């Protein structure tokens, strides 16, 4: 039985996109596939959320994008992190780790 999927908490999608793109430039479909693969199919990114997020990140100058041929030979818009995106990812990861630690402390009180 495959693991159950759950929605991505609001505000988390941008961080996931930045993390995926710190590995290598990818097009939107590749980003969605990578998130699903790395999360062992627990997280699925739908196109209705992904493409507006990519556009928003590009407007914030955290991503740069260019059209080029994909592995299938078709043109696709590839996205890559900028230096500002790398800095933002570091900030987001630090915040995430601090929140995770705080929630774990709270959960530990019930054990």
PDB file of N, CA and C in Angstrom:
ATOM      1  N   UNK A   1       0.840  -1.181   0.000  1.00  0.00           N
ATOM      2  CA  UNK A   1       0.000   0.000   0.000  1.00  0.00           C
ATOM      3  C   UNK A   1       0.886   1.246   0.000  1.00  0.00           C
ATOM      4  N   UNK A   2       0.660   2.193  -0.955  1.00  0.00           N
ATOM      5  CA  UNK A   2       1.495   3.393  -1.003  1.00  0.00           C
ATOM      6  C   UNK A   2       1.219   4.288   0.203  1.00  0.00           C
ATOM      7  N   UNK A   3       2.221   5.089   0.597  1.00  0.00           N
ATOM      8  CA  UNK A   3       2.006   5.981   1.738  1.00  0.00           C
ATOM      9  C   UNK A   3       0.912   6.987   1.417  1.00  0.00           C
ATOM     10  N   UNK A   4       0.192   7.431   2.432  1.00  0.00           N
ATOM     11  CA  UNK A   4      -0.857   8.411   2.194  1.00  0.00           C
ATOM     12  C   UNK A   4      -0.216   9.758   1.894  1.00  0.00           C
ATOM     13  N   UNK A   5      -0.879  10.509   1.033  1.00  0.00           N
ATOM     14  CA  UNK A   5      -0.389  11.839   0.679  1.00  0.00           C
ATOM     15  C   UNK A   5      -1.104  12.854   1.539  1.00  0.00           C
ATOM     16  N   UNK A   6      -0.450  13.952   1.771  1.00  0.00           N
ATOM     17  CA  UNK A   6      -1.084  15.015   2.531  1.00  0.00           C
ATOM     18  C   UNK A   6      -0.747  16.346   1.889  1.00  0.00           C
ATOM     19  N   UNK A   7      -1.600  17.340   2.095  1.00  0.00           N
ATOM     20  CA  UNK A   7      -1.339  18.642   1.469  1.00  0.00           C
ATOM     21  C   UNK A   7      -0.121  19.310   2.089  1.00  0.00           C
ATOM     22  N   UNK A   8       0.539  20.112   1.285  1.00  0.00           N
ATOM     23  CA  UNK A   8       1.704  20.860   1.746  1.00  0.00           C
ATOM     24  C   UNK A   8       1.189  22.041   2.566  1.00  0.00           C
ATOM     25  N   UNK A   9       1.671  22.212   3.793  1.00  0.00           N
ATOM     26  CA  UNK A   9       1.231  23.364   4.590  1.00  0.00           C
ATOM     27  C   UNK A   9       1.510  24.675   3.871  1.00  0.00           C
ATOM     28  N   UNK A  10       0.621  25.637   4.033  1.00  0.00           N
ATOM     29  CA  UNK A  10       0.770  26.929   3.376  1.00  0.00           C
ATOM     30  C   UNK A  10       2.133  27.539   3.710  1.00  0.00           C
ATOM     31  N   UNK A  11       2.795  28.089   2.703  1.00  0.00           N
ATOM     32  CA  UNK A  11       4.096  28.710   2.904  1.00  0.00           C
ATOM     33  C   UNK A  11       5.267  27.752   2.725  1.00  0.00           C
ATOM     34  N   UNK A  12       4.995  26.461   2.641  1.00  0.00           N
ATOM     35  CA  UNK A  12       6.061  25.466   2.547  1.00  0.00           C
ATOM     36  C   UNK A  12       6.485  25.210   1.104  1.00  0.00           C
ATOM     37  N   UNK A  13       5.577  25.404   0.163  1.00  0.00           N
ATOM     38  CA  UNK A  13       5.877  25.101  -1.232  1.00  0.00           C
ATOM     39  C   UNK A  13       7.086  25.889  -1.736  1.00  0.00           C
ATOM     40  N   UNK A  14       7.163  27.169  -1.419  1.00  0.00           N
ATOM     41  CA  UNK A  14       8.295  27.977  -1.885  1.00  0.00           C
ATOM     42  C   UNK A  14       9.614  27.389  -1.395  1.00  0.00           C
ATOM     43  N   UNK A  15       9.648  27.008  -0.122  1.00  0.00           N
ATOM     44  CA  UNK A  15      10.866  26.436   0.453  1.00  0.00           C
ATOM     45  C   UNK A  15      11.228  25.118  -0.255  1.00  0.00           C
ATOM     46  N   UNK A  16      10.240  24.294  -0.538  1.00  0.00           N
ATOM     47  CA  UNK A  16      10.513  23.025  -1.223  1.00  0.00           C
ATOM     48  C   UNK A  16      11.055  23.262  -2.627  1.00  0.00           C
ATOM     49  N   UNK A  17      10.482  24.219  -3.336  1.00  0.00           N
ATOM     50  CA  UNK A  17      10.954  24.543  -4.684  1.00  0.00           C
ATOM     51  C   UNK A  17      12.409  25.021  -4.621  1.00  0.00           C
ATOM     52  N   UNK A  18      12.703  25.924  -3.700  1.00  0.00           N
ATOM     53  CA  UNK A  18      14.073  26.426  -3.574  1.00  0.00           C
ATOM     54  C   UNK A  18      15.045  25.290  -3.252  1.00  0.00           C
ATOM     55  N   UNK A  19      14.631  24.386  -2.375  1.00  0.00           N
ATOM     56  CA  UNK A  19      15.497  23.258  -2.009  1.00  0.00           C
ATOM     57  C   UNK A  19      15.757  22.356  -3.210  1.00  0.00           C
ATOM     58  N   UNK A  20      14.721  22.039  -3.959  1.00  0.00           N
ATOM     59  CA  UNK A  20      14.883  21.183  -5.139  1.00  0.00           C
ATOM     60  C   UNK A  20      15.811  21.855  -6.152  1.00  0.00           C
ATOM     61  N   UNK A  21      15.647  23.161  -6.336  1.00  0.00           N
ATOM     62  CA  UNK A  21      16.455  23.863  -7.339  1.00  0.00           C
ATOM     63  C   UNK A  21      17.879  24.148  -6.879  1.00  0.00           C
ATOM     64  N   UNK A  22      18.180  23.963  -5.593  1.00  0.00           N
ATOM     65  CA  UNK A  22      19.580  24.131  -5.173  1.00  0.00           C
ATOM     66  C   UNK A  22      20.413  22.953  -5.675  1.00  0.00           C
ATOM     67  N   UNK A  23      19.766  21.872  -6.077  1.00  0.00           N
ATOM     68  CA  UNK A  23      20.472  20.698  -6.590  1.00  0.00           C
ATOM     69  C   UNK A  23      20.853  20.864  -8.055  1.00  0.00           C
ATOM     70  N   UNK A  24      19.898  21.383  -8.857  1.00  0.00           N
ATOM     71  CA  UNK A  24      20.136  21.604 -10.285  1.00  0.00           C
ATOM     72  C   UNK A  24      18.951  22.351 -10.886  1.00  0.00           C
ATOM     73  N   UNK A  25      19.156  23.071 -11.991  1.00  0.00           N
ATOM     74  CA  UNK A  25      18.041  23.723 -12.670  1.00  0.00           C
ATOM     75  C   UNK A  25      17.063  22.668 -13.205  1.00  0.00           C
ATOM     76  N   UNK A  26      15.776  22.952 -13.098  1.00  0.00           N
ATOM     77  CA  UNK A  26      14.744  22.037 -13.581  1.00  0.00           C
ATOM     78  C   UNK A  26      13.559  22.823 -14.134  1.00  0.00           C
ATOM     79  N   UNK A  27      12.759  22.151 -14.951  1.00  0.00           N
ATOM     80  CA  UNK A  27      11.497  22.724 -15.404  1.00  0.00           C
ATOM     81  C   UNK A  27      10.411  22.342 -14.392  1.00  0.00           C
ATOM     82  N   UNK A  28       9.255  22.952 -14.506  1.00  0.00           N
ATOM     83  CA  UNK A  28       8.189  22.752 -13.531  1.00  0.00           C
ATOM     84  C   UNK A  28       7.818  21.296 -13.307  1.00  0.00           C
ATOM     85  N   UNK A  29       7.627  20.550 -14.388  1.00  0.00           N
ATOM     86  CA  UNK A  29       7.254  19.143 -14.249  1.00  0.00           C
ATOM     87  C   UNK A  29       8.351  18.371 -13.518  1.00  0.00           C
ATOM     88  N   UNK A  30       9.607  18.685 -13.813  1.00  0.00           N
ATOM     89  CA  UNK A  30      10.731  18.028 -13.144  1.00  0.00           C
ATOM     90  C   UNK A  30      10.764  18.337 -11.648  1.00  0.00           C
ATOM     91  N   UNK A  31      10.414  19.567 -11.295  1.00  0.00           N
ATOM     92  CA  UNK A  31      10.362  19.946  -9.877  1.00  0.00           C
ATOM     93  C   UNK A  31       9.298  19.113  -9.170  1.00  0.00           C
ATOM     94  N   UNK A  32       8.114  19.042  -9.757  1.00  0.00           N
ATOM     95  CA  UNK A  32       7.017  18.275  -9.151  1.00  0.00           C
ATOM     96  C   UNK A  32       7.398  16.804  -9.005  1.00  0.00           C
ATOM     97  N   UNK A  33       8.028  16.237 -10.022  1.00  0.00           N
ATOM     98  CA  UNK A  33       8.456  14.835  -9.961  1.00  0.00           C
ATOM     99  C   UNK A  33       9.492  14.625  -8.860  1.00  0.00           C
ATOM    100  N   UNK A  34      10.443  15.538  -8.761  1.00  0.00           N
ATOM    101  CA  UNK A  34      11.521  15.411  -7.774  1.00  0.00           C
ATOM    102  C   UNK A  34      10.962  15.476  -6.353  1.00  0.00           C
ATOM    103  N   UNK A  35      10.031  16.392  -6.092  1.00  0.00           N
ATOM    104  CA  UNK A  35       9.410  16.490  -4.763  1.00  0.00           C
ATOM    105  C   UNK A  35       8.727  15.176  -4.415  1.00  0.00           C
ATOM    106  N   UNK A  36       7.969  14.646  -5.370  1.00  0.00           N
ATOM    107  CA  UNK A  36       7.251  13.401  -5.119  1.00  0.00           C
ATOM    108  C   UNK A  36       8.217  12.241  -4.890  1.00  0.00           C
ATOM    109  N   UNK A  37       9.261  12.165  -5.686  1.00  0.00           N
ATOM    110  CA  UNK A  37      10.236  11.083  -5.562  1.00  0.00           C
ATOM    111  C   UNK A  37      10.988  11.146  -4.237  1.00  0.00           C
ATOM    112  N   UNK A  38      11.515  12.312  -3.894  1.00  0.00           N
ATOM    113  CA  UNK A  38      12.298  12.450  -2.673  1.00  0.00           C
ATOM    114  C   UNK A  38      11.439  12.202  -1.433  1.00  0.00           C
ATOM    115  N   UNK A  39      10.170  12.626  -1.493  1.00  0.00           N
ATOM    116  CA  UNK A  39       9.272  12.437  -0.342  1.00  0.00           C
ATOM    117  C   UNK A  39       8.674  11.032  -0.302  1.00  0.00           C
ATOM    118  N   UNK A  40       9.135  10.171  -1.198  1.00  0.00           N
ATOM    119  CA  UNK A  40       8.617   8.796  -1.300  1.00  0.00           C
ATOM    120  C   UNK A  40       7.116   8.799  -1.533  1.00  0.00           C
ATOM    121  N   UNK A  41       6.691   9.728  -2.400  1.00  0.00           N
ATOM    122  CA  UNK A  41       5.307   9.857  -2.858  1.00  0.00           C
ATOM    123  C   UNK A  41       4.346  10.353  -1.782  1.00  0.00           C
ATOM    124  N   UNK A  42       4.866  10.877  -0.683  1.00  0.00           N
ATOM    125  CA  UNK A  42       4.001  11.411   0.373  1.00  0.00           C
ATOM    126  C   UNK A  42       3.552  12.837   0.052  1.00  0.00           C
ATOM    127  N   UNK A  43       4.355  13.564  -0.729  1.00  0.00           N
ATOM    128  CA  UNK A  43       4.026  14.943  -1.082  1.00  0.00           C
ATOM    129  C   UNK A  43       3.853  15.028  -2.592  1.00  0.00           C
ATOM    130  N   UNK A  44       2.719  15.576  -2.996  1.00  0.00           N
ATOM    131  CA  UNK A  44       2.453  15.762  -4.416  1.00  0.00           C
ATOM    132  C   UNK A  44       2.154  17.233  -4.650  1.00  0.00           C
ATOM    133  N   UNK A  45       2.834  17.825  -5.617  1.00  0.00           N
ATOM    134  CA  UNK A  45       2.645  19.235  -5.945  1.00  0.00           C
ATOM    135  C   UNK A  45       1.767  19.315  -7.183  1.00  0.00           C
ATOM    136  N   UNK A  46       0.635  20.005  -7.063  1.00  0.00           N
ATOM    137  CA  UNK A  46      -0.226  20.126  -8.243  1.00  0.00           C
ATOM    138  C   UNK A  46       0.171  21.357  -9.052  1.00  0.00           C
ATOM    139  N   UNK A  47      -0.086  21.287 -10.342  1.00  0.00           N
ATOM    140  CA  UNK A  47       0.329  22.350 -11.259  1.00  0.00           C
ATOM    141  C   UNK A  47      -0.335  23.676 -10.940  1.00  0.00           C
ATOM    142  N   UNK A  48      -1.554  23.629 -10.407  1.00  0.00           N
ATOM    143  CA  UNK A  48      -2.270  24.847 -10.057  1.00  0.00           C
ATOM    144  C   UNK A  48      -1.600  25.635  -8.951  1.00  0.00           C
ATOM    145  N   UNK A  49      -0.757  24.977  -8.160  1.00  0.00           N
ATOM    146  CA  UNK A  49       0.005  25.655  -7.112  1.00  0.00           C
ATOM    147  C   UNK A  49       1.442  25.915  -7.558  1.00  0.00           C
ATOM    148  N   UNK A  50       2.014  24.977  -8.306  1.00  0.00           N
ATOM    149  CA  UNK A  50       3.421  25.046  -8.674  1.00  0.00           C
ATOM    150  C   UNK A  50       3.750  26.239  -9.570  1.00  0.00           C
ATOM    151  N   UNK A  51       3.021  26.398 -10.659  1.00  0.00           N
ATOM    152  CA  UNK A  51       3.389  27.425 -11.624  1.00  0.00           C
ATOM    153  C   UNK A  51       3.198  28.843 -11.092  1.00  0.00           C
ATOM    154  N   UNK A  52       2.136  29.132 -10.338  1.00  0.00           N
ATOM    155  CA  UNK A  52       2.068  30.460  -9.703  1.00  0.00           C
ATOM    156  C   UNK A  52       3.214  30.679  -8.708  1.00  0.00           C
ATOM    157  N   UNK A  53       3.615  29.629  -7.986  1.00  0.00           N
ATOM    158  CA  UNK A  53       4.730  29.748  -7.037  1.00  0.00           C
ATOM    159  C   UNK A  53       6.026  30.045  -7.786  1.00  0.00           C
ATOM    160  N   UNK A  54       6.266  29.361  -8.894  1.00  0.00           N
ATOM    161  CA  UNK A  54       7.479  29.622  -9.685  1.00  0.00           C
ATOM    162  C   UNK A  54       7.491  31.070 -10.179  1.00  0.00           C
ATOM    163  N   UNK A  55       6.358  31.539 -10.635  1.00  0.00           N
ATOM    164  CA  UNK A  55       6.256  32.927 -11.113  1.00  0.00           C
ATOM    165  C   UNK A  55       6.529  33.909  -9.969  1.00  0.00           C
ATOM    166  N   UNK A  56       5.957  33.638  -8.805  1.00  0.00           N
ATOM    167  CA  UNK A  56       6.147  34.492  -7.632  1.00  0.00           C
ATOM    168  C   UNK A  56       7.633  34.529  -7.218  1.00  0.00           C
ATOM    169  N   UNK A  57       8.280  33.363  -7.207  1.00  0.00           N
ATOM    170  CA  UNK A  57       9.698  33.288  -6.829  1.00  0.00           C
ATOM    171  C   UNK A  57      10.584  34.015  -7.839  1.00  0.00           C
ATOM    172  N   UNK A  58      10.180  33.958  -9.092  1.00  0.00           N
ATOM    173  CA  UNK A  58      10.938  34.672 -10.125  1.00  0.00           C
ATOM    174  C   UNK A  58      10.775  36.185  -9.943  1.00  0.00           C
ATOM    175  N   UNK A  59       9.576  36.629  -9.607  1.00  0.00           N
ATOM    176  CA  UNK A  59       9.343  38.058  -9.369  1.00  0.00           C
ATOM    177  C   UNK A  59      10.141  38.564  -8.169  1.00  0.00           C
ATOM    178  N   UNK A  60      10.325  37.702  -7.170  1.00  0.00           N
ATOM    179  CA  UNK A  60      11.108  38.074  -5.988  1.00  0.00           C
ATOM    180  C   UNK A  60      12.614  38.015  -6.253  1.00  0.00           C
ATOM    181  N   UNK A  61      12.979  37.597  -7.462  1.00  0.00           N
ATOM    182  CA  UNK A  61      14.395  37.479  -7.868  1.00  0.00           C
ATOM    183  C   UNK A  61      15.118  36.345  -7.152  1.00  0.00           C
ATOM    184  N   UNK A  62      14.371  35.348  -6.673  1.00  0.00           N
ATOM    185  CA  UNK A  62      14.961  34.178  -6.038  1.00  0.00           C
ATOM    186  C   UNK A  62      15.240  33.094  -7.060  1.00  0.00           C
ATOM    187  N   UNK A  63      14.625  33.217  -8.236  1.00  0.00           N
ATOM    188  CA  UNK A  63      14.851  32.291  -9.354  1.00  0.00           C
ATOM    189  C   UNK A  63      15.136  33.088 -10.607  1.00  0.00           C
ATOM    190  N   UNK A  64      15.891  32.473 -11.494  1.00  0.00           N
ATOM    191  CA  UNK A  64      16.024  32.980 -12.857  1.00  0.00           C
ATOM    192  C   UNK A  64      15.565  31.840 -13.761  1.00  0.00           C
ATOM    193  N   UNK A  65      15.013  32.187 -14.891  1.00  0.00           N
ATOM    194  CA  UNK A  65      14.442  31.172 -15.767  1.00  0.00           C
ATOM    195  C   UNK A  65      14.884  31.399 -17.202  1.00  0.00           C
ATOM    196  N   UNK A  66      14.974  30.296 -17.939  1.00  0.00           N
ATOM    197  CA  UNK A  66      15.302  30.375 -19.361  1.00  0.00           C
ATOM    198  C   UNK A  66      14.658  29.207 -20.086  1.00  0.00           C
ATOM    199  N   UNK A  67      14.277  29.460 -21.337  1.00  0.00           N
ATOM    200  CA  UNK A  67      13.707  28.409 -22.169  1.00  0.00           C
ATOM    201  C   UNK A  67      14.845  27.640 -22.824  1.00  0.00           C
ATOM    202  N   UNK A  68      14.765  26.313 -22.749  1.00  0.00           N
ATOM    203  CA  UNK A  68      15.739  25.467 -23.437  1.00  0.00           C
ATOM    204  C   UNK A  68      15.131  24.089 -23.648  1.00  0.00           C
ATOM    205  N   UNK A  69      15.820  23.272 -24.410  1.00  0.00           N
ATOM    206  CA  UNK A  69      15.310  21.934 -24.735  1.00  0.00           C
ATOM    207  C   UNK A  69      15.368  21.035 -23.506  1.00  0.00           C
ATOM    208  N   UNK A  70      14.304  20.276 -23.303  1.00  0.00           N
ATOM    209  CA  UNK A  70      14.260  19.306 -22.207  1.00  0.00           C
ATOM    210  C   UNK A  70      14.810  17.976 -22.711  1.00  0.00           C
ATOM    211  N   UNK A  71      14.782  16.968 -21.839  1.00  0.00           N
ATOM    212  CA  UNK A  71      15.281  15.643 -22.229  1.00  0.00           C
ATOM    213  C   UNK A  71      14.468  15.044 -23.373  1.00  0.00           C
ATOM    214  N   UNK A  72      13.215  15.467 -23.505  1.00  0.00           N
ATOM    215  CA  UNK A  72      12.370  14.954 -24.584  1.00  0.00           C
ATOM    216  C   UNK A  72      12.585  15.710 -25.889  1.00  0.00           C
ATOM    217  N   UNK A  73      13.396  16.791 -25.831  1.00  0.00           N
ATOM    218  CA  UNK A  73      13.645  17.595 -27.014  1.00  0.00           C
ATOM    219  C   UNK A  73      12.687  18.766 -27.143  1.00  0.00           C
ATOM    220  N   UNK A  74      11.644  18.781 -26.334  1.00  0.00           N
ATOM    221  CA  UNK A  74      10.686  19.890 -26.364  1.00  0.00           C
ATOM    222  C   UNK A  74      11.221  21.050 -25.545  1.00  0.00           C
ATOM    223  N   UNK A  75      10.844  22.266 -25.926  1.00  0.00           N
ATOM    224  CA  UNK A  75      11.240  23.456 -25.180  1.00  0.00           C
ATOM    225  C   UNK A  75      10.519  23.483 -23.834  1.00  0.00           C
ATOM    226  N   UNK A  76      11.247  23.818 -22.790  1.00  0.00           N
ATOM    227  CA  UNK A  76      10.679  23.926 -21.447  1.00  0.00           C
ATOM    228  C   UNK A  76      11.366  25.081 -20.736  1.00  0.00           C
ATOM    229  N   UNK A  77      10.658  25.686 -19.800  1.00  0.00           N
ATOM    230  CA  UNK A  77      11.219  26.786 -19.022  1.00  0.00           C
ATOM    231  C   UNK A  77      11.937  26.195 -17.816  1.00  0.00           C
ATOM    232  N   UNK A  78      13.256  26.315 -17.804  1.00  0.00           N
ATOM    233  CA  UNK A  78      14.078  25.801 -16.707  1.00  0.00           C
ATOM    234  C   UNK A  78      14.308  26.912 -15.688  1.00  0.00           C
ATOM    235  N   UNK A  79      14.232  26.540 -14.424  1.00  0.00           N
ATOM    236  CA  UNK A  79      14.378  27.486 -13.325  1.00  0.00           C
ATOM    237  C   UNK A  79      15.634  27.136 -12.534  1.00  0.00           C
ATOM    238  N   UNK A  80      16.341  28.173 -12.075  1.00  0.00           N
ATOM    239  CA  UNK A  80      17.555  27.984 -11.279  1.00  0.00           C
ATOM    240  C   UNK A  80      17.557  29.012 -10.158  1.00  0.00           C
ATOM    241  N   UNK A  81      18.218  28.668  -9.071  1.00  0.00           N
ATOM    242  CA  UNK A  81      18.336  29.569  -7.927  1.00  0.00           C
ATOM    243  C   UNK A  81      19.288  30.719  -8.241  1.00  0.00           C
ATOM    244  N   UNK A  82      18.960  31.885  -7.744  1.00  0.00           N
ATOM    245  CA  UNK A  82      19.870  33.028  -7.781  1.00  0.00           C
ATOM    246  C   UNK A  82      20.582  33.081  -6.428  1.00  0.00           C
ATOM    247  N   UNK A  83      21.540  33.977  -6.292  1.00  0.00           N
ATOM    248  CA  UNK A  83      22.199  34.142  -4.988  1.00  0.00           C
ATOM    249  C   UNK A  83      21.184  34.566  -3.929  1.00  0.00           C
ATOM    250  N   UNK A  84      20.259  35.427  -4.315  1.00  0.00           N
ATOM    251  CA  UNK A  84      19.211  35.849  -3.375  1.00  0.00           C
ATOM    252  C   UNK A  84      18.345  34.658  -2.983  1.00  0.00           C
ATOM    253  N   UNK A  85      18.086  33.758  -3.920  1.00  0.00           N
ATOM    254  CA  UNK A  85      17.320  32.547  -3.627  1.00  0.00           C
ATOM    255  C   UNK A  85      18.063  31.628  -2.679  1.00  0.00           C
ATOM    256  N   UNK A  86      19.375  31.519  -2.854  1.00  0.00           N
ATOM    257  CA  UNK A  86      20.190  30.708  -1.936  1.00  0.00           C
ATOM    258  C   UNK A  86      20.129  31.262  -0.521  1.00  0.00           C
ATOM    259  N   UNK A  87      20.213  32.596  -0.408  1.00  0.00           N
ATOM    260  CA  UNK A  87      20.133  33.231   0.909  1.00  0.00           C
ATOM    261  C   UNK A  87      18.762  32.994   1.535  1.00  0.00           C
ATOM    262  N   UNK A  88      17.716  33.149   0.737  1.00  0.00           N
ATOM    263  CA  UNK A  88      16.363  32.939   1.258  1.00  0.00           C
ATOM    264  C   UNK A  88      16.168  31.499   1.696  1.00  0.00           C
ATOM    265  N   UNK A  89      16.692  30.552   0.934  1.00  0.00           N
ATOM    266  CA  UNK A  89      16.588  29.144   1.310  1.00  0.00           C
ATOM    267  C   UNK A  89      17.252  28.899   2.656  1.00  0.00           C
ATOM    268  N   UNK A  90      18.418  29.473   2.876  1.00  0.00           N
ATOM    269  CA  UNK A  90      19.106  29.302   4.163  1.00  0.00           C
ATOM    270  C   UNK A  90      18.262  29.861   5.306  1.00  0.00           C
ATOM    271  N   UNK A  91      17.633  31.010   5.096  1.00  0.00           N
ATOM    272  CA  UNK A  91      16.766  31.612   6.116  1.00  0.00           C
ATOM    273  C   UNK A  91      15.566  30.714   6.388  1.00  0.00           C
ATOM    274  N   UNK A  92      14.934  30.234   5.313  1.00  0.00           N
ATOM    275  CA  UNK A  92      13.746  29.380   5.450  1.00  0.00           C
ATOM    276  C   UNK A  92      14.081  28.060   6.156  1.00  0.00           C
ATOM    277  N   UNK A  93      15.210  27.468   5.814  1.00  0.00           N
ATOM    278  CA  UNK A  93      15.604  26.210   6.447  1.00  0.00           C
ATOM    279  C   UNK A  93      15.867  26.409   7.933  1.00  0.00           C
ATOM    280  N   UNK A  94      16.517  27.504   8.285  1.00  0.00           N
ATOM    281  CA  UNK A  94      16.780  27.791   9.688  1.00  0.00           C
ATOM    282  C   UNK A  94      15.461  27.962  10.445  1.00  0.00           C
ATOM    283  N   UNK A  95      14.532  28.718   9.872  1.00  0.00           N
ATOM    284  CA  UNK A  95      13.225  28.922  10.513  1.00  0.00           C
ATOM    285  C   UNK A  95      12.490  27.599  10.667  1.00  0.00           C
ATOM    286  N   UNK A  96      12.550  26.775   9.619  1.00  0.00           N
ATOM    287  CA  UNK A  96      11.880  25.477   9.655  1.00  0.00           C
ATOM    288  C   UNK A  96      12.455  24.599  10.768  1.00  0.00           C
ATOM    289  N   UNK A  97      13.769  24.560  10.887  1.00  0.00           N
ATOM    290  CA  UNK A  97      14.413  23.736  11.918  1.00  0.00           C
ATOM    291  C   UNK A  97      14.061  24.221  13.330  1.00  0.00           C
ATOM    292  N   UNK A  98      13.998  25.546  13.511  1.00  0.00           N
ATOM    293  CA  UNK A  98      13.622  26.080  14.819  1.00  0.00           C
ATOM    294  C   UNK A  98      12.172  25.738  15.149  1.00  0.00           C
ATOM    295  N   UNK A  99      11.274  25.846  14.165  1.00  0.00           N
ATOM    296  CA  UNK A  99       9.874  25.488  14.391  1.00  0.00           C
ATOM    297  C   UNK A  99       9.745  23.998  14.696  1.00  0.00           C
ATOM    298  N   UNK A 100      10.439  23.168  13.932  1.00  0.00           N
ATOM    299  CA  UNK A 100      10.408  21.721  14.148  1.00  0.00           C
ATOM    300  C   UNK A 100      10.867  21.374  15.570  1.00  0.00           C
ATOM    301  N   UNK A 101      11.947  21.999  16.018  1.00  0.00           N
ATOM    302  CA  UNK A 101      12.461  21.732  17.365  1.00  0.00           C
ATOM    303  C   UNK A 101      11.448  22.147  18.426  1.00  0.00           C
ATOM    304  N   UNK A 102      10.795  23.287  18.224  1.00  0.00           N
ATOM    305  CA  UNK A 102       9.800  23.763  19.190  1.00  0.00           C
ATOM    306  C   UNK A 102       8.593  22.827  19.238  1.00  0.00           C
ATOM    307  N   UNK A 103       8.127  22.388  18.084  1.00  0.00           N
ATOM    308  CA  UNK A 103       6.976  21.474  18.044  1.00  0.00           C
ATOM    309  C   UNK A 103       7.339  20.143  18.699  1.00  0.00           C
ATOM    310  N   UNK A 104       8.531  19.640  18.456  1.00  0.00           N
ATOM    311  CA  UNK A 104       8.965  18.388  19.092  1.00  0.00           C
ATOM    312  C   UNK A 104       8.993  18.519  20.622  1.00  0.00           C
ATOM    313  N   UNK A 105       9.435  19.664  21.127  1.00  0.00           N
ATOM    314  CA  UNK A 105       9.416  19.889  22.569  1.00  0.00           C
ATOM    315  C   UNK A 105       7.987  19.851  23.113  1.00  0.00           C
ATOM    316  N   UNK A 106       7.089  20.486  22.406  1.00  0.00           N
ATOM    317  CA  UNK A 106       5.697  20.504  22.837  1.00  0.00           C
ATOM    318  C   UNK A 106       5.117  19.104  22.801  1.00  0.00           C
ATOM    319  N   UNK A 107       5.360  18.350  21.724  1.00  0.00           N
ATOM    320  CA  UNK A 107       4.851  16.980  21.618  1.00  0.00           C
ATOM    321  C   UNK A 107       5.442  16.082  22.706  1.00  0.00           C
ATOM    322  N   UNK A 108       6.690  16.313  23.070  1.00  0.00           N
ATOM    323  CA  UNK A 108       7.356  15.490  24.073  1.00  0.00           C
ATOM    324  C   UNK A 108       6.684  15.632  25.447  1.00  0.00           C
ATOM    325  N   UNK A 109       5.982  16.711  25.677  1.00  0.00           N
ATOM    326  CA  UNK A 109       5.305  16.935  26.960  1.00  0.00           C
ATOM    327  C   UNK A 109       4.173  15.933  27.178  1.00  0.00           C
ATOM    328  N   UNK A 110       3.640  15.400  26.106  1.00  0.00           N
ATOM    329  CA  UNK A 110       2.535  14.449  26.232  1.00  0.00           C
ATOM    330  C   UNK A 110       2.986  13.010  26.336  1.00  0.00           C
ATOM    331  N   UNK A 111       4.255  12.769  26.299  1.00  0.00           N
ATOM    332  CA  UNK A 111       4.761  11.383  26.299  1.00  0.00           C
ATOM    333  C   UNK A 111       5.140  10.926  27.689  1.00  0.00           C
TER     334      UNK A 111
END
